């Protein structure tokens, strides 16, 4: 069963984008760019990132 998590080894800020990238099997920089564009364009990306940083478990807790 595949689960989403924060990846602390590939993190830039909290590891949310690295965890999302691992979940969807894509490169983390692609997720970071998409998240940044959403954050700048609509403002909701920043709020979503903060919520995910608190809600997603760490990778070592999931494994």
N, C-alpha and C. Protein backbone atom coordinates (compact mmCIF):
# COMPACT_ATOMS: atom_id res chain seq x y z
N UNK A 1 0.85 -1.18 0.00
CA UNK A 1 0.00 0.00 0.00
C UNK A 1 0.89 1.24 0.00
N UNK A 2 0.65 2.12 -0.95
CA UNK A 2 1.45 3.32 -1.09
C UNK A 2 0.88 4.43 -0.21
N UNK A 3 1.77 5.09 0.55
CA UNK A 3 1.34 6.18 1.44
C UNK A 3 2.15 7.42 1.15
N UNK A 4 1.58 8.55 1.47
CA UNK A 4 2.27 9.82 1.28
C UNK A 4 2.90 10.24 2.60
N UNK A 5 4.05 10.88 2.53
CA UNK A 5 4.81 11.24 3.73
C UNK A 5 5.73 12.42 3.42
N UNK A 6 6.38 12.93 4.46
CA UNK A 6 7.43 13.95 4.29
C UNK A 6 8.77 13.22 4.22
N UNK A 7 9.56 13.56 3.24
CA UNK A 7 10.88 12.95 3.07
C UNK A 7 11.92 13.92 3.59
N UNK A 8 12.48 13.64 4.76
CA UNK A 8 13.45 14.55 5.40
C UNK A 8 14.82 14.51 4.75
N UNK A 9 15.15 13.47 3.97
CA UNK A 9 16.46 13.39 3.34
C UNK A 9 16.56 14.25 2.09
N UNK A 10 15.48 14.41 1.36
CA UNK A 10 15.49 15.20 0.13
C UNK A 10 14.77 16.53 0.31
N UNK A 11 14.71 17.02 1.52
CA UNK A 11 13.90 18.20 1.80
C UNK A 11 14.61 19.50 1.43
N UNK A 12 13.81 20.51 1.15
CA UNK A 12 14.29 21.87 0.99
C UNK A 12 13.81 22.69 2.20
N UNK A 13 12.54 22.54 2.55
CA UNK A 13 11.99 23.24 3.71
C UNK A 13 11.51 22.21 4.73
N UNK A 14 10.42 21.52 4.43
CA UNK A 14 9.88 20.53 5.37
C UNK A 14 9.86 19.11 4.80
N UNK A 15 10.09 18.96 3.51
CA UNK A 15 10.09 17.64 2.90
C UNK A 15 8.78 17.24 2.27
N UNK A 16 7.83 18.16 2.22
CA UNK A 16 6.51 17.85 1.66
C UNK A 16 6.61 17.58 0.16
N UNK A 17 7.29 18.43 -0.57
CA UNK A 17 7.39 18.26 -2.02
C UNK A 17 8.14 16.98 -2.38
N UNK A 18 9.16 16.64 -1.63
CA UNK A 18 9.89 15.40 -1.88
C UNK A 18 9.01 14.18 -1.63
N UNK A 19 8.19 14.24 -0.61
CA UNK A 19 7.27 13.14 -0.34
C UNK A 19 6.18 13.01 -1.39
N UNK A 20 5.66 14.14 -1.85
CA UNK A 20 4.65 14.11 -2.92
C UNK A 20 5.27 13.59 -4.21
N UNK A 21 6.48 14.01 -4.51
CA UNK A 21 7.17 13.54 -5.71
C UNK A 21 7.42 12.04 -5.65
N UNK A 22 7.79 11.54 -4.49
CA UNK A 22 7.99 10.10 -4.34
C UNK A 22 6.68 9.34 -4.50
N UNK A 23 5.61 9.89 -4.00
CA UNK A 23 4.30 9.25 -4.10
C UNK A 23 3.86 9.12 -5.57
N UNK A 24 4.07 10.19 -6.35
CA UNK A 24 3.67 10.18 -7.75
C UNK A 24 4.79 9.70 -8.68
N UNK A 25 5.94 9.36 -8.12
CA UNK A 25 7.09 8.83 -8.87
C UNK A 25 7.58 9.82 -9.93
N UNK A 26 7.77 11.08 -9.51
CA UNK A 26 8.34 12.11 -10.38
C UNK A 26 9.47 12.80 -9.62
N UNK A 27 10.21 13.65 -10.31
CA UNK A 27 11.33 14.35 -9.67
C UNK A 27 10.83 15.45 -8.73
N UNK A 28 11.48 15.60 -7.57
CA UNK A 28 11.07 16.65 -6.62
C UNK A 28 11.12 18.08 -7.18
N UNK A 29 12.11 18.45 -8.02
CA UNK A 29 12.10 19.83 -8.54
C UNK A 29 10.84 20.18 -9.34
N UNK A 30 10.26 19.19 -10.01
CA UNK A 30 9.03 19.43 -10.76
C UNK A 30 7.90 19.79 -9.81
N UNK A 31 7.80 19.05 -8.71
CA UNK A 31 6.75 19.33 -7.72
C UNK A 31 6.99 20.68 -7.07
N UNK A 32 8.25 21.01 -6.80
CA UNK A 32 8.56 22.31 -6.18
C UNK A 32 8.17 23.46 -7.09
N UNK A 33 8.42 23.33 -8.39
CA UNK A 33 8.05 24.40 -9.33
C UNK A 33 6.53 24.54 -9.41
N UNK A 34 5.83 23.42 -9.49
CA UNK A 34 4.36 23.47 -9.56
C UNK A 34 3.79 24.10 -8.29
N UNK A 35 4.32 23.68 -7.13
CA UNK A 35 3.84 24.21 -5.86
C UNK A 35 4.15 25.71 -5.76
N UNK A 36 5.31 26.12 -6.24
CA UNK A 36 5.67 27.54 -6.22
C UNK A 36 4.78 28.38 -7.10
N UNK A 37 4.47 27.87 -8.29
CA UNK A 37 3.58 28.60 -9.21
C UNK A 37 2.20 28.73 -8.59
N UNK A 38 1.68 27.66 -8.01
CA UNK A 38 0.37 27.73 -7.36
C UNK A 38 0.39 28.71 -6.18
N UNK A 39 1.50 28.71 -5.46
CA UNK A 39 1.61 29.62 -4.32
C UNK A 39 1.64 31.07 -4.74
N UNK A 40 2.34 31.35 -5.82
CA UNK A 40 2.43 32.73 -6.30
C UNK A 40 1.18 33.16 -7.06
N UNK A 41 0.58 32.25 -7.79
CA UNK A 41 -0.56 32.61 -8.62
C UNK A 41 -1.85 32.76 -7.82
N UNK A 42 -2.09 31.85 -6.92
CA UNK A 42 -3.37 31.85 -6.21
C UNK A 42 -3.23 32.07 -4.71
N UNK A 43 -2.05 31.88 -4.17
CA UNK A 43 -1.86 32.06 -2.74
C UNK A 43 -2.26 30.87 -1.90
N UNK A 44 -3.04 29.97 -2.47
CA UNK A 44 -3.49 28.81 -1.71
C UNK A 44 -2.40 27.75 -1.59
N UNK A 45 -1.39 27.81 -2.44
CA UNK A 45 -0.30 26.84 -2.39
C UNK A 45 0.48 26.93 -1.09
N UNK A 46 0.68 28.13 -0.59
CA UNK A 46 1.38 28.31 0.68
C UNK A 46 0.58 27.74 1.84
N UNK A 47 -0.70 28.00 1.85
CA UNK A 47 -1.55 27.46 2.91
C UNK A 47 -1.59 25.93 2.84
N UNK A 48 -1.70 25.38 1.65
CA UNK A 48 -1.72 23.92 1.48
C UNK A 48 -0.41 23.30 1.93
N UNK A 49 0.72 23.96 1.65
CA UNK A 49 2.02 23.45 2.06
C UNK A 49 2.12 23.41 3.59
N UNK A 50 1.68 24.46 4.24
CA UNK A 50 1.73 24.51 5.70
C UNK A 50 0.87 23.42 6.31
N UNK A 51 -0.33 23.22 5.77
CA UNK A 51 -1.21 22.16 6.28
C UNK A 51 -0.57 20.80 6.07
N UNK A 52 -0.01 20.56 4.89
CA UNK A 52 0.64 19.27 4.61
C UNK A 52 1.86 19.04 5.50
N UNK A 53 2.58 20.10 5.82
CA UNK A 53 3.75 19.96 6.68
C UNK A 53 3.36 19.46 8.07
N UNK A 54 2.18 19.82 8.53
CA UNK A 54 1.73 19.36 9.85
C UNK A 54 1.00 18.02 9.79
N UNK A 55 0.35 17.72 8.66
CA UNK A 55 -0.48 16.52 8.56
C UNK A 55 0.31 15.30 8.12
N UNK A 56 1.20 15.44 7.14
CA UNK A 56 1.94 14.29 6.62
C UNK A 56 2.90 13.75 7.67
N UNK A 57 2.96 12.44 7.84
CA UNK A 57 3.95 11.86 8.77
C UNK A 57 5.33 11.84 8.13
N UNK A 58 6.36 11.70 8.96
CA UNK A 58 7.72 11.54 8.45
C UNK A 58 7.89 10.17 7.81
N UNK A 59 8.86 10.05 6.91
CA UNK A 59 9.08 8.80 6.20
C UNK A 59 9.44 7.66 7.15
N UNK A 60 10.26 7.93 8.16
CA UNK A 60 10.67 6.86 9.06
C UNK A 60 9.51 6.36 9.93
N UNK A 61 8.47 7.18 10.11
CA UNK A 61 7.29 6.74 10.85
C UNK A 61 6.40 5.83 10.00
N UNK A 62 6.44 6.02 8.68
CA UNK A 62 5.60 5.25 7.77
C UNK A 62 6.23 3.90 7.48
N UNK A 63 7.52 3.88 7.26
CA UNK A 63 8.21 2.65 6.86
C UNK A 63 8.29 1.64 7.97
